[in-house]
Each structure stands twice: as C-alpha cells, then as structure tokens.
Amino acid sequence: MIKGRVTGRVWSSKHIDTLPGGALLQVTLEDGATLIALDPLGCDEGEQVLVTQGSVAAGYFTKMKASVDALIIGSIDET
C-alpha cells in the first residue's frame, strides 16, 4: 500500500467501457510523485488515502475485467 494525499480531480469525458464507476483522482505521494487513482469511496481533495497498484488494484473488481492500475482502498483518519 502507498500513502498519499488527494490533490485534484481528473475529468475524462471519453474512456473505455471497462472503466468502473468512480472518480479519477490525482494523488501526491509522500516522495512528491503523483499518480492517478480510481476512487470508489468518494474521497475529497486534501484527504490522506491508501492506494494499491497493479494486479491487486485490478483484482478488486471481481464481476468485470477492469483496466485499473491504481485504486484508492482507504481514507486515513486525521485528528
């Protein structure tokens, strides 16, 4: 798992049919790198999140073959 913070949204009016529902979010990682992750949870900008990548991310979608390489799997509670 990778820890990061949601820093923006990515809008895509055209995409492949196998992309599951959810927002595409820009996530900035602790080392300063950024990635785009699918968010099925409804996270907001500024939230710290946990991201998984690769076959684990794609494997989350058991009812369809999904073209997903990065998936937000948790929102980190901050106090």
N, C-alpha and C. Protein backbone atom coordinates (compact mmCIF):
# COMPACT_ATOMS: atom_id res chain seq x y z
N MET A 1 0.84 -1.18 0.00
CA MET A 1 0.00 0.00 0.00
C MET A 1 0.88 1.24 0.00
N ILE A 2 0.34 2.28 -0.58
CA ILE A 2 1.06 3.54 -0.70
C ILE A 2 0.22 4.63 -0.04
N LYS A 3 0.87 5.51 0.72
CA LYS A 3 0.18 6.60 1.38
C LYS A 3 0.35 7.86 0.55
N GLY A 4 -0.74 8.60 0.39
CA GLY A 4 -0.68 9.84 -0.37
C GLY A 4 -1.81 10.77 0.03
N ARG A 5 -1.88 11.92 -0.66
CA ARG A 5 -2.93 12.90 -0.40
C ARG A 5 -3.59 13.28 -1.72
N VAL A 6 -4.92 13.34 -1.72
CA VAL A 6 -5.66 13.73 -2.91
C VAL A 6 -5.40 15.21 -3.18
N THR A 7 -4.90 15.50 -4.39
CA THR A 7 -4.57 16.89 -4.73
C THR A 7 -5.37 17.42 -5.91
N GLY A 8 -6.26 16.62 -6.45
CA GLY A 8 -7.08 17.10 -7.55
C GLY A 8 -7.92 16.01 -8.17
N ARG A 9 -8.75 16.42 -9.12
CA ARG A 9 -9.61 15.50 -9.87
C ARG A 9 -9.22 15.52 -11.33
N VAL A 10 -9.40 14.40 -11.98
CA VAL A 10 -9.14 14.29 -13.41
C VAL A 10 -10.47 13.97 -14.07
N TRP A 11 -10.85 14.79 -15.05
CA TRP A 11 -12.12 14.59 -15.75
C TRP A 11 -11.85 13.91 -17.08
N SER A 12 -12.66 12.90 -17.38
CA SER A 12 -12.49 12.16 -18.62
C SER A 12 -13.87 11.94 -19.26
N SER A 13 -14.15 12.68 -20.32
CA SER A 13 -15.45 12.52 -20.97
C SER A 13 -15.45 11.31 -21.91
N LYS A 14 -14.27 10.87 -22.32
CA LYS A 14 -14.15 9.68 -23.15
C LYS A 14 -13.25 8.68 -22.44
N HIS A 15 -13.74 7.46 -22.27
CA HIS A 15 -12.93 6.41 -21.66
C HIS A 15 -13.46 5.05 -22.10
N ILE A 16 -12.70 4.01 -21.87
CA ILE A 16 -13.10 2.67 -22.28
C ILE A 16 -14.27 2.18 -21.41
N ASP A 17 -15.05 1.29 -21.98
CA ASP A 17 -16.25 0.79 -21.30
C ASP A 17 -15.95 -0.01 -20.04
N THR A 18 -14.77 -0.57 -19.93
CA THR A 18 -14.45 -1.41 -18.77
C THR A 18 -13.94 -0.61 -17.57
N LEU A 19 -13.91 0.72 -17.69
CA LEU A 19 -13.51 1.54 -16.54
C LEU A 19 -14.69 1.59 -15.57
N PRO A 20 -14.52 1.06 -14.36
CA PRO A 20 -15.62 1.03 -13.39
C PRO A 20 -16.03 2.43 -12.94
N GLY A 21 -17.19 2.52 -12.34
CA GLY A 21 -17.65 3.79 -11.79
C GLY A 21 -16.77 4.26 -10.65
N GLY A 22 -16.63 5.56 -10.56
CA GLY A 22 -15.80 6.16 -9.52
C GLY A 22 -15.05 7.34 -10.10
N ALA A 23 -14.56 8.18 -9.24
CA ALA A 23 -13.83 9.36 -9.67
C ALA A 23 -12.36 9.02 -9.95
N LEU A 24 -11.77 9.74 -10.87
CA LEU A 24 -10.33 9.64 -11.10
C LEU A 24 -9.69 10.80 -10.33
N LEU A 25 -8.84 10.46 -9.38
CA LEU A 25 -8.23 11.48 -8.52
C LEU A 25 -6.72 11.51 -8.70
N GLN A 26 -6.17 12.71 -8.64
CA GLN A 26 -4.71 12.87 -8.62
C GLN A 26 -4.27 12.75 -7.18
N VAL A 27 -3.30 11.88 -6.94
CA VAL A 27 -2.79 11.64 -5.59
C VAL A 27 -1.31 11.95 -5.58
N THR A 28 -0.90 12.81 -4.65
CA THR A 28 0.52 13.12 -4.47
C THR A 28 1.06 12.25 -3.35
N LEU A 29 2.10 11.51 -3.65
CA LEU A 29 2.69 10.56 -2.70
C LEU A 29 3.67 11.27 -1.77
N GLU A 30 4.09 10.58 -0.73
CA GLU A 30 4.99 11.17 0.26
C GLU A 30 6.32 11.60 -0.34
N ASP A 31 6.77 10.93 -1.42
CA ASP A 31 8.05 11.30 -2.04
C ASP A 31 7.90 12.41 -3.08
N GLY A 32 6.68 12.95 -3.25
CA GLY A 32 6.44 14.03 -4.18
C GLY A 32 5.94 13.59 -5.55
N ALA A 33 6.00 12.29 -5.83
CA ALA A 33 5.49 11.77 -7.10
C ALA A 33 3.97 11.86 -7.11
N THR A 34 3.39 11.89 -8.30
CA THR A 34 1.93 11.89 -8.40
C THR A 34 1.47 10.72 -9.24
N LEU A 35 0.24 10.30 -8.99
CA LEU A 35 -0.39 9.26 -9.81
C LEU A 35 -1.88 9.54 -9.88
N ILE A 36 -2.54 8.89 -10.83
CA ILE A 36 -3.98 8.98 -10.97
C ILE A 36 -4.55 7.65 -10.48
N ALA A 37 -5.52 7.73 -9.56
CA ALA A 37 -6.10 6.52 -8.98
C ALA A 37 -7.62 6.58 -9.07
N LEU A 38 -8.23 5.43 -9.28
CA LEU A 38 -9.68 5.34 -9.27
C LEU A 38 -10.15 5.34 -7.82
N ASP A 39 -11.18 6.13 -7.56
CA ASP A 39 -11.69 6.27 -6.19
C ASP A 39 -13.14 5.80 -6.11
N PRO A 40 -13.39 4.58 -5.63
CA PRO A 40 -14.77 4.12 -5.45
C PRO A 40 -15.37 4.55 -4.11
N LEU A 41 -14.59 5.25 -3.28
CA LEU A 41 -15.03 5.59 -1.92
C LEU A 41 -15.65 6.97 -1.79
N GLY A 42 -15.37 7.88 -2.72
CA GLY A 42 -15.89 9.24 -2.62
C GLY A 42 -15.01 10.17 -1.80
N CYS A 43 -13.70 10.04 -1.91
CA CYS A 43 -12.77 10.88 -1.16
C CYS A 43 -12.76 12.30 -1.70
N ASP A 44 -12.39 13.25 -0.84
CA ASP A 44 -12.34 14.65 -1.21
C ASP A 44 -10.91 15.13 -1.34
N GLU A 45 -10.75 16.24 -2.01
CA GLU A 45 -9.43 16.86 -2.14
C GLU A 45 -8.89 17.20 -0.75
N GLY A 46 -7.62 16.90 -0.53
CA GLY A 46 -6.98 17.14 0.76
C GLY A 46 -6.93 15.93 1.67
N GLU A 47 -7.73 14.92 1.39
CA GLU A 47 -7.75 13.72 2.24
C GLU A 47 -6.49 12.88 2.03
N GLN A 48 -6.00 12.30 3.12
CA GLN A 48 -4.93 11.31 3.02
C GLN A 48 -5.57 9.97 2.70
N VAL A 49 -4.95 9.24 1.78
CA VAL A 49 -5.53 7.99 1.32
C VAL A 49 -4.48 6.89 1.22
N LEU A 50 -4.96 5.65 1.17
CA LEU A 50 -4.13 4.49 0.91
C LEU A 50 -4.44 4.02 -0.50
N VAL A 51 -3.39 3.76 -1.27
CA VAL A 51 -3.54 3.35 -2.66
C VAL A 51 -2.84 2.01 -2.86
N THR A 52 -3.45 1.15 -3.65
CA THR A 52 -2.80 -0.08 -4.08
C THR A 52 -2.68 -0.03 -5.60
N GLN A 53 -1.70 -0.74 -6.14
CA GLN A 53 -1.45 -0.68 -7.57
C GLN A 53 -1.33 -2.07 -8.17
N GLY A 54 -1.37 -2.12 -9.50
CA GLY A 54 -1.11 -3.34 -10.25
C GLY A 54 -2.23 -4.34 -10.18
N SER A 55 -1.87 -5.62 -10.15
CA SER A 55 -2.86 -6.70 -10.21
C SER A 55 -3.79 -6.69 -9.00
N VAL A 56 -3.32 -6.20 -7.87
CA VAL A 56 -4.18 -6.13 -6.68
C VAL A 56 -5.30 -5.12 -6.93
N ALA A 57 -4.98 -3.99 -7.54
CA ALA A 57 -5.99 -2.98 -7.84
C ALA A 57 -7.01 -3.52 -8.84
N ALA A 58 -6.55 -4.12 -9.92
CA ALA A 58 -7.45 -4.66 -10.94
C ALA A 58 -8.26 -5.83 -10.39
N GLY A 59 -7.67 -6.62 -9.51
CA GLY A 59 -8.34 -7.79 -8.95
C GLY A 59 -9.48 -7.47 -8.01
N TYR A 60 -9.57 -6.23 -7.56
CA TYR A 60 -10.67 -5.81 -6.68
C TYR A 60 -12.02 -5.97 -7.38
N PHE A 61 -12.04 -5.79 -8.69
CA PHE A 61 -13.28 -5.83 -9.45
C PHE A 61 -13.51 -7.26 -9.93
N THR A 62 -14.28 -8.03 -9.17
CA THR A 62 -14.46 -9.45 -9.43
C THR A 62 -15.54 -9.74 -10.47
N LYS A 63 -16.46 -8.81 -10.69
CA LYS A 63 -17.56 -9.05 -11.62
C LYS A 63 -17.25 -8.61 -13.04
N MET A 64 -16.13 -7.93 -13.24
CA MET A 64 -15.74 -7.47 -14.57
C MET A 64 -14.23 -7.37 -14.66
N LYS A 65 -13.74 -7.40 -15.87
CA LYS A 65 -12.31 -7.15 -16.09
C LYS A 65 -12.13 -5.64 -16.15
N ALA A 66 -11.35 -5.09 -15.24
CA ALA A 66 -11.20 -3.64 -15.13
C ALA A 66 -9.79 -3.21 -15.51
N SER A 67 -9.71 -2.16 -16.28
CA SER A 67 -8.41 -1.59 -16.66
C SER A 67 -8.00 -0.55 -15.63
N VAL A 68 -7.65 -1.02 -14.45
CA VAL A 68 -7.30 -0.13 -13.34
C VAL A 68 -5.92 -0.51 -12.83
N ASP A 69 -5.03 0.48 -12.75
CA ASP A 69 -3.67 0.22 -12.25
C ASP A 69 -3.45 0.80 -10.86
N ALA A 70 -4.27 1.77 -10.45
CA ALA A 70 -4.13 2.36 -9.11
C ALA A 70 -5.54 2.55 -8.54
N LEU A 71 -5.74 2.10 -7.31
CA LEU A 71 -7.06 2.12 -6.68
C LEU A 71 -6.94 2.63 -5.25
N ILE A 72 -7.78 3.60 -4.91
CA ILE A 72 -7.83 4.08 -3.53
C ILE A 72 -8.63 3.07 -2.73
N ILE A 73 -7.99 2.52 -1.68
CA ILE A 73 -8.65 1.46 -0.89
C ILE A 73 -8.98 1.91 0.52
N GLY A 74 -8.57 3.12 0.90
CA GLY A 74 -8.87 3.60 2.25
C GLY A 74 -8.62 5.08 2.39
N SER A 75 -9.36 5.68 3.30
CA SER A 75 -9.18 7.08 3.66
C SER A 75 -8.60 7.10 5.07
N ILE A 76 -7.50 7.80 5.26
CA ILE A 76 -6.82 7.82 6.57
C ILE A 76 -7.46 8.89 7.45
N ASP A 77 -7.91 8.48 8.63
CA ASP A 77 -8.49 9.42 9.57
C ASP A 77 -7.39 10.30 10.18
N GLU A 78 -7.62 11.61 10.14
CA GLU A 78 -6.67 12.54 10.73
C GLU A 78 -7.33 13.24 11.90
N THR A 79 -6.59 13.39 13.00
CA THR A 79 -7.16 14.07 14.16
C THR A 79 -6.41 15.33 14.46
